[in-house]
C-alpha atoms as a PDB file:
ATOM      1  CA  MET A   1     145.399 199.374  93.325  1.00  0.00           C
ATOM      2  CA  LEU A   2     143.738 196.228  92.228  1.00  0.00           C
ATOM      3  CA  ILE A   3     140.735 194.742  93.423  1.00  0.00           C
ATOM      4  CA  LYS A   4     139.306 191.167  92.199  1.00  0.00           C
ATOM      5  CA  VAL A   5     135.798 191.008  90.811  1.00  0.00           C
ATOM      6  CA  LYS A   6     134.064 187.916  91.741  1.00  0.00           C
ATOM      7  CA  GLN A   7     133.160 185.812  89.132  1.00  0.00           C
ATOM      8  CA  ASN A   8     129.447 186.056  89.217  1.00  0.00           C
ATOM      9  CA  VAL A   9     129.533 189.835  87.897  1.00  0.00           C
ATOM     10  CA  MET A  10     131.165 188.799  84.750  1.00  0.00           C
ATOM     11  CA  ARG A  11     127.853 189.608  82.916  1.00  0.00           C
ATOM     12  CA  ALA A  12     127.805 192.694  84.923  1.00  0.00           C
ATOM     13  CA  LEU A  13     130.566 194.044  83.779  1.00  0.00           C
ATOM     14  CA  CYS A  14     129.927 193.175  80.125  1.00  0.00           C
ATOM     15  CA  SER A  15     126.952 195.538  80.446  1.00  0.00           C
ATOM     16  CA  LEU A  16     127.889 198.554  82.500  1.00  0.00           C
ATOM     17  CA  VAL A  17     125.640 201.252  82.645  1.00  0.00           C
ATOM     18  CA  PHE A  18     125.599 204.448  84.324  1.00  0.00           C
ATOM     19  CA  LEU A  19     122.851 205.447  86.988  1.00  0.00           C
ATOM     20  CA  CYS A  20     122.549 208.937  87.941  1.00  0.00           C
ATOM     21  CA  SER A  21     121.017 208.434  91.820  1.00  0.00           C
ATOM     22  CA  THR A  22     120.053 212.566  91.377  1.00  0.00           C
ATOM     23  CA  LEU A  23     118.412 212.321  88.135  1.00  0.00           C
ATOM     24  CA  PHE A  24     114.717 211.939  89.048  1.00  0.00           C
ATOM     25  CA  ALA A  25     114.948 213.888  92.524  1.00  0.00           C
ATOM     26  CA  THR A  26     111.876 215.766  93.409  1.00  0.00           C
ATOM     27  CA  ALA A  27     112.452 217.050  96.507  1.00  0.00           C
ATOM     28  CA  CYS A  28     113.435 220.666  97.226  1.00  0.00           C
ATOM     29  CA  SER A  29     116.987 221.636  98.355  1.00  0.00           C
ATOM     30  CA  GLY A  30     115.852 224.850 100.027  1.00  0.00           C
ATOM     31  CA  PRO A  31     113.138 227.466 100.156  1.00  0.00           C
ATOM     32  CA  GLU A  32     114.010 228.754  96.601  1.00  0.00           C
ATOM     33  CA  LEU A  33     115.380 226.412  94.309  1.00  0.00           C
ATOM     34  CA  LYS A  34     113.848 222.926  93.138  1.00  0.00           C
ATOM     35  CA  SER A  35     114.972 219.943  91.356  1.00  0.00           C
ATOM     36  CA  PHE A  36     113.451 219.495  87.582  1.00  0.00           C
ATOM     37  CA  SER A  37     114.496 216.704  85.384  1.00  0.00           C
ATOM     38  CA  GLU A  38     113.255 216.083  81.821  1.00  0.00           C
ATOM     39  CA  THR A  39     114.641 213.096  79.390  1.00  0.00           C
ATOM     40  CA  ARG A  40     114.425 213.527  75.036  1.00  0.00           C
ATOM     41  CA  THR A  41     116.077 211.681  72.960  1.00  0.00           C
ATOM     42  CA  ILE A  42     119.063 212.901  71.116  1.00  0.00           C
ATOM     43  CA  MET A  43     121.606 211.471  69.015  1.00  0.00           C
ATOM     44  CA  GLY A  44     119.713 208.244  69.159  1.00  0.00           C
ATOM     45  CA  THR A  45     120.100 207.780  72.828  1.00  0.00           C
ATOM     46  CA  PHE A  46     117.856 208.922  76.071  1.00  0.00           C
ATOM     47  CA  THR A  47     119.381 212.179  77.302  1.00  0.00           C
ATOM     48  CA  THR A  48     118.685 213.339  80.755  1.00  0.00           C
ATOM     49  CA  ILE A  49     118.687 216.773  81.886  1.00  0.00           C
ATOM     50  CA  THR A  50     118.565 217.452  85.934  1.00  0.00           C
ATOM     51  CA  LEU A  51     118.666 221.121  87.115  1.00  0.00           C
ATOM     52  CA  TYR A  52     117.884 223.387  89.810  1.00  0.00           C
ATOM     53  CA  ALA A  53     115.854 226.512  89.399  1.00  0.00           C
ATOM     54  CA  ASN A  54     113.295 228.777  91.133  1.00  0.00           C
ATOM     55  CA  ASP A  55     110.234 227.544  89.509  1.00  0.00           C
ATOM     56  CA  GLU A  56     108.928 225.148  86.572  1.00  0.00           C
ATOM     57  CA  SER A  57     108.650 228.074  83.850  1.00  0.00           C
ATOM     58  CA  THR A  58     112.380 228.880  84.297  1.00  0.00           C
ATOM     59  CA  ALA A  59     113.251 225.413  84.366  1.00  0.00           C
ATOM     60  CA  SER A  60     111.109 224.434  81.009  1.00  0.00           C
ATOM     61  CA  GLU A  61     112.889 227.410  79.247  1.00  0.00           C
ATOM     62  CA  ALA A  62     116.371 225.952  80.293  1.00  0.00           C
ATOM     63  CA  PHE A  63     115.487 222.403  79.004  1.00  0.00           C
ATOM     64  CA  ASN A  64     114.207 223.759  75.806  1.00  0.00           C
ATOM     65  CA  THR A  65     117.162 225.756  75.223  1.00  0.00           C
ATOM     66  CA  ALA A  66     119.857 223.286  76.371  1.00  0.00           C
ATOM     67  CA  PHE A  67     118.256 220.149  74.227  1.00  0.00           C
ATOM     68  CA  ALA A  68     117.809 222.756  71.352  1.00  0.00           C
ATOM     69  CA  ARG A  69     121.554 223.218  71.577  1.00  0.00           C
ATOM     70  CA  MET A  70     122.210 219.361  71.701  1.00  0.00           C
ATOM     71  CA  LYS A  71     120.080 219.263  68.440  1.00  0.00           C
ATOM     72  CA  GLU A  72     122.064 221.865  66.674  1.00  0.00           C
ATOM     73  CA  ILE A  73     124.943 219.531  67.354  1.00  0.00           C
ATOM     74  CA  GLU A  74     123.434 216.370  66.124  1.00  0.00           C
ATOM     75  CA  GLN A  75     122.450 218.070  62.890  1.00  0.00           C
ATOM     76  CA  SER A  76     126.220 218.836  62.589  1.00  0.00           C
ATOM     77  CA  ALA A  77     127.629 215.658  63.766  1.00  0.00           C
ATOM     78  CA  SER A  78     125.332 212.702  62.211  1.00  0.00           C
ATOM     79  CA  ILE A  79     126.451 210.428  59.720  1.00  0.00           C
ATOM     80  CA  LEU A  80     123.042 208.758  59.325  1.00  0.00           C
ATOM     81  CA  ASP A  81     120.947 211.957  58.624  1.00  0.00           C
ATOM     82  CA  GLU A  82     121.414 212.912  54.988  1.00  0.00           C
ATOM     83  CA  SER A  83     120.696 216.381  55.752  1.00  0.00           C
ATOM     84  CA  ALA A  84     123.359 216.482  58.402  1.00  0.00           C
ATOM     85  CA  GLU A  85     126.997 218.166  57.859  1.00  0.00           C
ATOM     86  CA  ALA A  86     128.860 215.104  58.927  1.00  0.00           C
ATOM     87  CA  TYR A  87     126.921 213.048  56.411  1.00  0.00           C
ATOM     88  CA  LEU A  88     127.216 215.289  53.361  1.00  0.00           C
ATOM     89  CA  LEU A  89     131.113 215.590  54.345  1.00  0.00           C
ATOM     90  CA  ASN A  90     131.459 211.818  54.036  1.00  0.00           C
ATOM     91  CA  ALA A  91     129.286 211.690  50.735  1.00  0.00           C
ATOM     92  CA  GLN A  92     131.079 214.383  48.866  1.00  0.00           C
ATOM     93  CA  GLY A  93     134.505 214.497  50.425  1.00  0.00           C
ATOM     94  CA  GLN A  94     134.337 218.030  51.294  1.00  0.00           C
ATOM     95  CA  ILE A  95     132.350 220.971  52.666  1.00  0.00           C
ATOM     96  CA  ASN A  96     132.723 224.382  52.532  1.00  0.00           C
ATOM     97  CA  ASN A  97     131.830 226.707  55.320  1.00  0.00           C
ATOM     98  CA  PRO A  98     131.352 224.108  57.821  1.00  0.00           C
ATOM     99  CA  SER A  99     129.405 225.197  61.050  1.00  0.00           C
ATOM    100  CA  LEU A 100     131.407 226.196  63.858  1.00  0.00           C
ATOM    101  CA  ASP A 101     130.385 222.779  65.505  1.00  0.00           C
ATOM    102  CA  LEU A 102     131.471 220.651  63.106  1.00  0.00           C
ATOM    103  CA  LYS A 103     134.885 222.371  62.474  1.00  0.00           C
ATOM    104  CA  THR A 104     135.521 222.459  66.181  1.00  0.00           C
ATOM    105  CA  LEU A 105     134.492 218.609  66.570  1.00  0.00           C
ATOM    106  CA  VAL A 106     137.010 217.770  63.581  1.00  0.00           C
ATOM    107  CA  GLU A 107     139.708 220.118  65.229  1.00  0.00           C
ATOM    108  CA  LEU A 108     139.454 218.564  68.633  1.00  0.00           C
ATOM    109  CA  SER A 109     139.360 214.907  67.092  1.00  0.00           C
ATOM    110  CA  VAL A 110     142.508 215.817  65.154  1.00  0.00           C
ATOM    111  CA  GLU A 111     144.080 217.295  68.478  1.00  0.00           C
ATOM    112  CA  TYR A 112     143.071 213.992  70.370  1.00  0.00           C
ATOM    113  CA  GLY A 113     144.398 211.749  67.792  1.00  0.00           C
ATOM    114  CA  ASP A 114     147.859 213.672  68.325  1.00  0.00           C
ATOM    115  CA  LEU A 115     147.446 213.171  72.336  1.00  0.00           C
ATOM    116  CA  THR A 116     146.604 209.812  71.947  1.00  0.00           C
ATOM    117  CA  ASN A 117     149.228 208.776  69.395  1.00  0.00           C
ATOM    118  CA  GLY A 118     146.398 207.753  67.101  1.00  0.00           C
ATOM    119  CA  TYR A 119     144.438 205.546  69.306  1.00  0.00           C
ATOM    120  CA  PHE A 120     141.478 208.140  68.815  1.00  0.00           C
ATOM    121  CA  ASP A 121     141.117 208.112  65.116  1.00  0.00           C
ATOM    122  CA  ILE A 122     137.561 209.567  63.228  1.00  0.00           C
ATOM    123  CA  THR A 123     138.287 208.074  60.174  1.00  0.00           C
ATOM    124  CA  ILE A 124     137.805 204.597  61.321  1.00  0.00           C
ATOM    125  CA  GLN A 125     134.242 204.770  59.458  1.00  0.00           C
ATOM    126  CA  PRO A 126     135.312 202.868  56.447  1.00  0.00           C
ATOM    127  CA  LEU A 127     136.431 199.946  58.924  1.00  0.00           C
ATOM    128  CA  LEU A 128     133.345 199.828  60.847  1.00  0.00           C
ATOM    129  CA  GLU A 129     131.432 199.655  57.718  1.00  0.00           C
ATOM    130  CA  LEU A 130     133.646 196.886  56.533  1.00  0.00           C
ATOM    131  CA  TRP A 131     133.120 194.465  59.769  1.00  0.00           C
ATOM    132  CA  GLU A 132     129.362 195.576  59.898  1.00  0.00           C
ATOM    133  CA  GLY A 133     129.207 194.428  56.280  1.00  0.00           C
ATOM    134  CA  GLY A 134     129.833 190.937  57.313  1.00  0.00           C
ATOM    135  CA  LEU A 135     133.628 190.771  57.079  1.00  0.00           C
ATOM    136  CA  TRP A 136     133.571 188.728  60.630  1.00  0.00           C
ATOM    137  CA  ALA A 137     132.164 185.685  58.521  1.00  0.00           C
ATOM    138  CA  GLU A 138     135.111 185.739  56.114  1.00  0.00           C
ATOM    139  CA  THR A 139     138.342 183.659  56.425  1.00  0.00           C
ATOM    140  CA  PRO A 140     141.547 184.869  58.315  1.00  0.00           C
ATOM    141  CA  GLN A 141     142.888 185.381  55.049  1.00  0.00           C
ATOM    142  CA  ILE A 142     140.039 187.536  53.168  1.00  0.00           C
ATOM    143  CA  GLN A 143     139.774 189.615  56.315  1.00  0.00           C
ATOM    144  CA  GLN A 144     143.660 190.675  56.404  1.00  0.00           C
ATOM    145  CA  GLU A 145     143.093 191.340  52.333  1.00  0.00           C
ATOM    146  CA  ARG A 146     140.198 193.494  53.212  1.00  0.00           C
ATOM    147  CA  VAL A 147     141.545 195.334  56.015  1.00  0.00           C
ATOM    148  CA  ASP A 148     144.833 196.167  54.114  1.00  0.00           C
ATOM    149  CA  GLU A 149     142.929 197.569  51.387  1.00  0.00           C
ATOM    150  CA  THR A 150     140.537 199.665  53.855  1.00  0.00           C
ATOM    151  CA  MET A 151     143.521 200.745  56.103  1.00  0.00           C
ATOM    152  CA  ALA A 152     144.837 203.053  53.233  1.00  0.00           C
ATOM    153  CA  PHE A 153     141.675 205.079  53.974  1.00  0.00           C
ATOM    154  CA  VAL A 154     142.412 205.507  57.630  1.00  0.00           C
ATOM    155  CA  GLY A 155     144.415 208.420  59.248  1.00  0.00           C
ATOM    156  CA  TYR A 156     143.256 211.539  61.000  1.00  0.00           C
ATOM    157  CA  ASP A 157     146.265 213.087  59.878  1.00  0.00           C
ATOM    158  CA  LYS A 158     144.817 212.956  56.322  1.00  0.00           C
ATOM    159  CA  ILE A 159     142.024 215.417  57.090  1.00  0.00           C
ATOM    160  CA  ILE A 160     142.492 218.909  55.550  1.00  0.00           C
ATOM    161  CA  LEU A 161     141.318 221.510  57.525  1.00  0.00           C
ATOM    162  CA  ASN A 162     141.409 225.237  55.939  1.00  0.00           C
ATOM    163  CA  SER A 163     139.748 228.206  57.299  1.00  0.00           C
ATOM    164  CA  ASN A 164     136.507 227.652  55.242  1.00  0.00           C
ATOM    165  CA  SER A 165     136.580 223.737  54.374  1.00  0.00           C
ATOM    166  CA  ILE A 166     136.897 220.259  55.286  1.00  0.00           C
ATOM    167  CA  ILE A 167     138.608 218.017  53.088  1.00  0.00           C
ATOM    168  CA  LEU A 168     138.787 214.058  52.977  1.00  0.00           C
ATOM    169  CA  LEU A 169     140.713 212.219  50.637  1.00  0.00           C
ATOM    170  CA  GLU A 170     138.809 209.797  48.143  1.00  0.00           C
ATOM    171  CA  GLY A 171     137.570 206.910  50.148  1.00  0.00           C
ATOM    172  CA  MET A 172     137.913 208.455  53.869  1.00  0.00           C
ATOM    173  CA  GLU A 173     134.711 209.086  55.808  1.00  0.00           C
ATOM    174  CA  ILE A 174     134.544 209.917  59.214  1.00  0.00           C
ATOM    175  CA  THR A 175     132.420 209.385  62.674  1.00  0.00           C
ATOM    176  CA  LEU A 176     132.368 211.569  65.379  1.00  0.00           C
ATOM    177  CA  GLY A 177     130.467 208.903  67.534  1.00  0.00           C
ATOM    178  CA  GLY A 178     133.318 208.728  70.215  1.00  0.00           C
ATOM    179  CA  ILE A 179     133.234 212.785  70.820  1.00  0.00           C
ATOM    180  CA  ALA A 180     129.960 214.295  69.808  1.00  0.00           C
ATOM    181  CA  LYS A 181     127.705 213.172  72.693  1.00  0.00           C
ATOM    182  CA  GLY A 182     130.478 214.682  75.177  1.00  0.00           C
ATOM    183  CA  TYR A 183     130.778 217.748  73.294  1.00  0.00           C
ATOM    184  CA  ALA A 184     127.137 218.024  73.199  1.00  0.00           C
ATOM    185  CA  THR A 185     126.794 217.742  77.160  1.00  0.00           C
ATOM    186  CA  GLY A 186     129.423 220.296  77.652  1.00  0.00           C
ATOM    187  CA  GLU A 187     127.663 222.694  75.020  1.00  0.00           C
ATOM    188  CA  ALA A 188     124.364 222.043  76.958  1.00  0.00           C
ATOM    189  CA  LEU A 189     125.864 223.252  80.228  1.00  0.00           C
ATOM    190  CA  THR A 190     127.026 226.277  78.696  1.00  0.00           C
ATOM    191  CA  THR A 191     123.635 227.565  77.408  1.00  0.00           C
ATOM    192  CA  LEU A 192     122.306 226.372  81.168  1.00  0.00           C
ATOM    193  CA  ILE A 193     125.295 228.887  82.548  1.00  0.00           C
ATOM    194  CA  GLU A 194     124.128 231.731  80.376  1.00  0.00           C
ATOM    195  CA  MET A 195     120.616 231.305  81.552  1.00  0.00           C
ATOM    196  CA  GLY A 196     121.563 231.727  84.994  1.00  0.00           C
ATOM    197  CA  ILE A 197     121.534 228.007  86.110  1.00  0.00           C
ATOM    198  CA  GLU A 198     124.141 226.728  88.539  1.00  0.00           C
ATOM    199  CA  HIS A 199     123.373 223.287  89.405  1.00  0.00           C
ATOM    200  CA  ALA A 200     122.787 220.738  86.604  1.00  0.00           C
ATOM    201  CA  ILE A 201     123.740 217.626  85.345  1.00  0.00           C
ATOM    202  CA  VAL A 202     123.604 216.257  81.559  1.00  0.00           C
ATOM    203  CA  ASN A 203     123.430 212.432  80.780  1.00  0.00           C
ATOM    204  CA  ALA A 204     123.759 211.716  77.117  1.00  0.00           C
ATOM    205  CA  GLY A 205     123.346 207.910  77.228  1.00  0.00           C
ATOM    206  CA  GLY A 206     126.143 207.631  79.630  1.00  0.00           C
ATOM    207  CA  ASP A 207     128.453 210.497  78.991  1.00  0.00           C
ATOM    208  CA  ILE A 208     127.751 212.572  81.752  1.00  0.00           C
ATOM    209  CA  ALA A 209     128.959 216.586  82.473  1.00  0.00           C
ATOM    210  CA  THR A 210     128.013 218.395  85.520  1.00  0.00           C
ATOM    211  CA  LEU A 211     127.496 221.970  86.682  1.00  0.00           C
ATOM    212  CA  GLY A 212     128.446 222.748  89.941  1.00  0.00           C
ATOM    213  CA  ASN A 213     127.030 220.577  92.752  1.00  0.00           C
ATOM    214  CA  LYS A 214     123.306 220.201  93.689  1.00  0.00           C
ATOM    215  CA  ALA A 215     121.544 222.960  95.471  1.00  0.00           C
ATOM    216  CA  ASN A 216     121.902 221.574  98.889  1.00  0.00           C
ATOM    217  CA  GLY A 217     125.600 221.356  98.851  1.00  0.00           C
ATOM    218  CA  THR A 218     126.585 217.861  98.054  1.00  0.00           C
ATOM    219  CA  ALA A 219     128.154 216.599  95.057  1.00  0.00           C
ATOM    220  CA  TRP A 220     126.265 214.645  91.944  1.00  0.00           C
ATOM    221  CA  LYS A 221     126.745 211.003  92.652  1.00  0.00           C
ATOM    222  CA  ILE A 222     127.121 208.653  89.649  1.00  0.00           C
ATOM    223  CA  THR A 223     126.792 205.124  90.213  1.00  0.00           C
ATOM    224  CA  LEU A 224     128.365 202.284  87.986  1.00  0.00           C
ATOM    225  CA  VAL A 225     125.921 199.225  88.489  1.00  0.00           C
ATOM    226  CA  ASN A 226     124.628 195.831  86.781  1.00  0.00           C
ATOM    227  CA  PRO A 227     121.903 196.642  84.927  1.00  0.00           C
ATOM    228  CA  ASP A 228     120.497 193.018  85.534  1.00  0.00           C
ATOM    229  CA  ASP A 229     120.984 193.072  89.272  1.00  0.00           C
ATOM    230  CA  SER A 230     120.837 196.819  90.340  1.00  0.00           C
ATOM    231  CA  THR A 231     122.015 195.738  93.974  1.00  0.00           C
ATOM    232  CA  GLN A 232     125.104 194.831  92.471  1.00  0.00           C
ATOM    233  CA  LEU A 233     127.343 197.823  92.712  1.00  0.00           C
ATOM    234  CA  ILE A 234     130.493 198.308  91.134  1.00  0.00           C
ATOM    235  CA  ALA A 235     131.643 201.945  92.007  1.00  0.00           C
ATOM    236  CA  SER A 236     130.123 205.436  92.762  1.00  0.00           C
ATOM    237  CA  PHE A 237     131.821 208.671  91.993  1.00  0.00           C
ATOM    238  CA  ALA A 238     131.081 212.117  93.423  1.00  0.00           C
ATOM    239  CA  LEU A 239     131.431 214.900  91.040  1.00  0.00           C
ATOM    240  CA  GLU A 240     131.225 218.951  91.067  1.00  0.00           C
ATOM    241  CA  GLY A 241     132.007 220.227  87.990  1.00  0.00           C
ATOM    242  CA  ALA A 242     133.684 217.000  86.277  1.00  0.00           C
ATOM    243  CA  SER A 243     132.876 214.942  83.769  1.00  0.00           C
ATOM    244  CA  ILE A 244     132.506 211.026  83.117  1.00  0.00           C
ATOM    245  CA  ALA A 245     132.366 208.817  79.965  1.00  0.00           C
ATOM    246  CA  THR A 246     132.753 204.776  79.817  1.00  0.00           C
ATOM    247  CA  SER A 247     133.896 202.703  76.902  1.00  0.00           C
ATOM    248  CA  GLY A 248     133.235 199.167  76.758  1.00  0.00           C
ATOM    249  CA  ASN A 249     133.376 195.824  74.953  1.00  0.00           C
ATOM    250  CA  TYR A 250     129.612 195.222  75.636  1.00  0.00           C
ATOM    251  CA  ALA A 251     126.030 195.443  74.163  1.00  0.00           C
ATOM    252  CA  ARG A 252     127.438 196.341  70.662  1.00  0.00           C
ATOM    253  CA  TYR A 253     128.789 193.443  68.094  1.00  0.00           C
ATOM    254  CA  PHE A 254     129.016 192.855  64.370  1.00  0.00           C
ATOM    255  CA  ASP A 255     128.648 189.203  64.693  1.00  0.00           C
ATOM    256  CA  PRO A 256     125.942 187.181  66.354  1.00  0.00           C
ATOM    257  CA  ASP A 257     128.267 185.424  68.712  1.00  0.00           C
ATOM    258  CA  GLY A 258     129.659 188.598  70.375  1.00  0.00           C
ATOM    259  CA  LYS A 259     133.110 188.277  69.419  1.00  0.00           C
ATOM    260  CA  VAL A 260     133.781 191.206  67.140  1.00  0.00           C
ATOM    261  CA  SER A 261     132.920 194.518  69.126  1.00  0.00           C
ATOM    262  CA  HIS A 262     132.189 198.029  67.424  1.00  0.00           C
ATOM    263  CA  ILE A 263     135.410 199.090  68.916  1.00  0.00           C
ATOM    264  CA  ILE A 264     138.142 199.095  65.951  1.00  0.00           C
ATOM    265  CA  ASN A 265     141.859 199.513  66.773  1.00  0.00           C
ATOM    266  CA  PRO A 266     142.841 202.145  64.327  1.00  0.00           C
ATOM    267  CA  TRP A 267     146.620 200.893  64.103  1.00  0.00           C
ATOM    268  CA  THR A 268     145.661 197.250  63.195  1.00  0.00           C
ATOM    269  CA  GLY A 269     142.026 197.685  61.545  1.00  0.00           C
ATOM    270  CA  TYR A 270     140.505 194.750  63.875  1.00  0.00           C
ATOM    271  CA  SER A 271     138.023 194.734  66.648  1.00  0.00           C
ATOM    272  CA  SER A 272     139.741 195.932  69.623  1.00  0.00           C
ATOM    273  CA  VAL A 273     141.013 192.973  71.805  1.00  0.00           C
ATOM    274  CA  SER A 274     142.709 195.113  74.402  1.00  0.00           C
ATOM    275  CA  ASP A 275     142.297 192.931  77.655  1.00  0.00           C
ATOM    276  CA  CYS A 276     139.571 195.683  78.825  1.00  0.00           C
ATOM    277  CA  ILE A 277     136.035 195.074  79.419  1.00  0.00           C
ATOM    278  CA  SER A 278     135.511 198.784  80.340  1.00  0.00           C
ATOM    279  CA  VAL A 279     137.134 201.962  80.565  1.00  0.00           C
ATOM    280  CA  THR A 280     135.711 204.855  82.635  1.00  0.00           C
ATOM    281  CA  ILE A 281     137.222 208.314  82.340  1.00  0.00           C
ATOM    282  CA  ILE A 282     136.471 211.309  84.803  1.00  0.00           C
ATOM    283  CA  THR A 283     137.828 214.687  83.289  1.00  0.00           C
ATOM    284  CA  LEU A 284     136.997 218.265  83.451  1.00  0.00           C
ATOM    285  CA  LYS A 285     136.021 218.754  79.714  1.00  0.00           C
ATOM    286  CA  PRO A 286     133.310 216.183  78.498  1.00  0.00           C
ATOM    287  CA  GLU A 287     134.516 216.012  75.042  1.00  0.00           C
ATOM    288  CA  LEU A 288     137.934 215.028  76.320  1.00  0.00           C
ATOM    289  CA  ALA A 289     136.325 212.205  78.490  1.00  0.00           C
ATOM    290  CA  ASP A 290     134.304 210.730  75.742  1.00  0.00           C
ATOM    291  CA  ALA A 291     137.432 210.477  73.293  1.00  0.00           C
ATOM    292  CA  LEU A 292     139.732 209.352  76.065  1.00  0.00           C
ATOM    293  CA  ALA A 293     137.080 206.421  77.131  1.00  0.00           C
ATOM    294  CA  THR A 294     137.542 204.770  73.450  1.00  0.00           C
ATOM    295  CA  ALA A 295     141.357 205.467  73.125  1.00  0.00           C
ATOM    296  CA  VAL A 296     142.413 203.871  76.474  1.00  0.00           C
ATOM    297  CA  PHE A 297     139.926 201.030  75.894  1.00  0.00           C
ATOM    298  CA  VAL A 298     142.317 200.154  72.642  1.00  0.00           C
ATOM    299  CA  MET A 299     145.419 200.753  74.300  1.00  0.00           C
ATOM    300  CA  GLY A 300     144.557 198.250  77.213  1.00  0.00           C
ATOM    301  CA  PRO A 301     144.864 198.353  80.785  1.00  0.00           C
ATOM    302  CA  VAL A 302     148.664 198.395  81.437  1.00  0.00           C
ATOM    303  CA  ASP A 303     149.339 201.185  78.506  1.00  0.00           C
ATOM    304  CA  GLY A 304     146.220 202.524  78.845  1.00  0.00           C
ATOM    305  CA  MET A 305     146.936 203.516  82.412  1.00  0.00           C
ATOM    306  CA  ARG A 306     150.183 204.709  81.803  1.00  0.00           C
ATOM    307  CA  PHE A 307     149.055 206.937  79.403  1.00  0.00           C
ATOM    308  CA  VAL A 308     146.488 208.274  82.005  1.00  0.00           C
ATOM    309  CA  GLU A 309     149.125 209.038  84.598  1.00  0.00           C
ATOM    310  CA  SER A 310     150.917 211.171  81.958  1.00  0.00           C
ATOM    311  CA  LEU A 311     147.960 213.294  81.947  1.00  0.00           C
ATOM    312  CA  ASP A 312     146.839 216.322  83.919  1.00  0.00           C
ATOM    313  CA  ASP A 313     143.294 216.392  85.518  1.00  0.00           C
ATOM    314  CA  VAL A 314     142.460 213.028  84.092  1.00  0.00           C
ATOM    315  CA  GLU A 315     141.629 209.839  86.167  1.00  0.00           C
ATOM    316  CA  CYS A 316     140.583 206.534  84.989  1.00  0.00           C
ATOM    317  CA  MET A 317     139.197 203.254  86.242  1.00  0.00           C
ATOM    318  CA  ILE A 318     139.824 200.189  83.863  1.00  0.00           C
ATOM    319  CA  ILE A 319     138.207 196.812  84.114  1.00  0.00           C
ATOM    320  CA  GLY A 320     140.201 194.106  82.936  1.00  0.00           C
ATOM    321  CA  ASN A 321     139.103 190.461  81.370  1.00  0.00           C
ATOM    322  CA  ASP A 322     140.974 189.289  84.072  1.00  0.00           C
ATOM    323  CA  ARG A 323     138.344 190.905  86.292  1.00  0.00           C
ATOM    324  CA  GLN A 324     140.651 192.983  87.998  1.00  0.00           C
ATOM    325  CA  ILE A 325     139.859 196.455  88.421  1.00  0.00           C
ATOM    326  CA  HIS A 326     142.629 199.315  87.954  1.00  0.00           C
ATOM    327  CA  ARG A 327     142.482 202.315  89.512  1.00  0.00           C
ATOM    328  CA  SER A 328     144.241 205.774  88.410  1.00  0.00           C
ATOM    329  CA  SER A 329     146.277 207.370  91.536  1.00  0.00           C
ATOM    330  CA  GLY A 330     143.973 209.989  91.971  1.00  0.00           C
ATOM    331  CA  LEU A 331     140.622 208.693  91.376  1.00  0.00           C
ATOM    332  CA  ASP A 332     139.972 208.316  95.051  1.00  0.00           C
ATOM    333  CA  LYS A 333     139.362 212.070  95.327  1.00  0.00           C
ATOM    334  CA  TYR A 334     136.125 211.117  93.119  1.00  0.00           C
ATOM    335  CA  GLU A 335     135.393 207.753  94.263  1.00  0.00           C
ATOM    336  CA  VAL A 336     133.060 207.132  96.948  1.00  0.00           C
ATOM    337  CA  GLN A 337     134.288 204.546  99.345  1.00  0.00           C
ATOM    338  CA  ASP A 338     131.351 204.744 102.020  1.00  0.00           C
ATOM    339  CA  GLU A 339     127.969 203.839 100.436  1.00  0.00           C
ATOM    340  CA  THR A 340     126.291 204.715 103.529  1.00  0.00           C
ATOM    341  CA  LYS A 341     126.703 208.389 103.295  1.00  0.00           C
END
């Protein structure tokens, strides 16, 4: 299904953001459960958890436990913190007795690499560093030479996973930025479930996971809007237990002209030029939604949508450079059509 997007929202599409209309609700849903919300900085982004609990003390304990779990994951997944496991893995090329979180993240990344035919690849970090280091300013010939040299260090299938170690070949580095936030939101919900929470939503910079519905029985509503004009609505989704993530060619570029984005095609080594402005994925697993949003973006609208349609329990909205919105065949079960409701 295609819907033409008006010319005057082009800038909006290039800076899509998620707004959770329920995140700051304060009204009681009934005589017992109340809505509580707290925001902290995790993984370099604002993370908000909203949940329903009987009292503030219960909510506070739940927040502390869930955020602490996310910080544990950050300590495993960060490639910027010199004390983090992923940083040490990149620096040393090997890590023995990795934490369960790091091992799980790498194992899932390899699995999703296979699933996407290599369009999701955590070993692109050398390419990211290459472009961030100013390759965009070089001649096309030099760019190609440097990319060809660096591609020798790219390939998730080169990661050696043993029972008690993770090994990278010399020159290889990983980045978990395309999966760690999704994984962390899911783990946060798991801790909330263990504490008896039945209604919650976690938003880690746009990677959003939901637990059940709101206490009043209605779904969590996620809205895609223009950040420059919050009255301009792109789409709204009603989620109950599902997760959503968006990847887009906006906001982050290596060059000052905004032509070389932070999304790299693992097959070519160049900034992705897939004819997409953004890709939104809805599925049951938050870490999968996170990874697929990037992979489908690189694939492009045609191949990406074909790929999504081949998967079970995965839906997608793709906004193309031609300003058309492409919807997967089952997206209507999530998308809110009547905004007056």
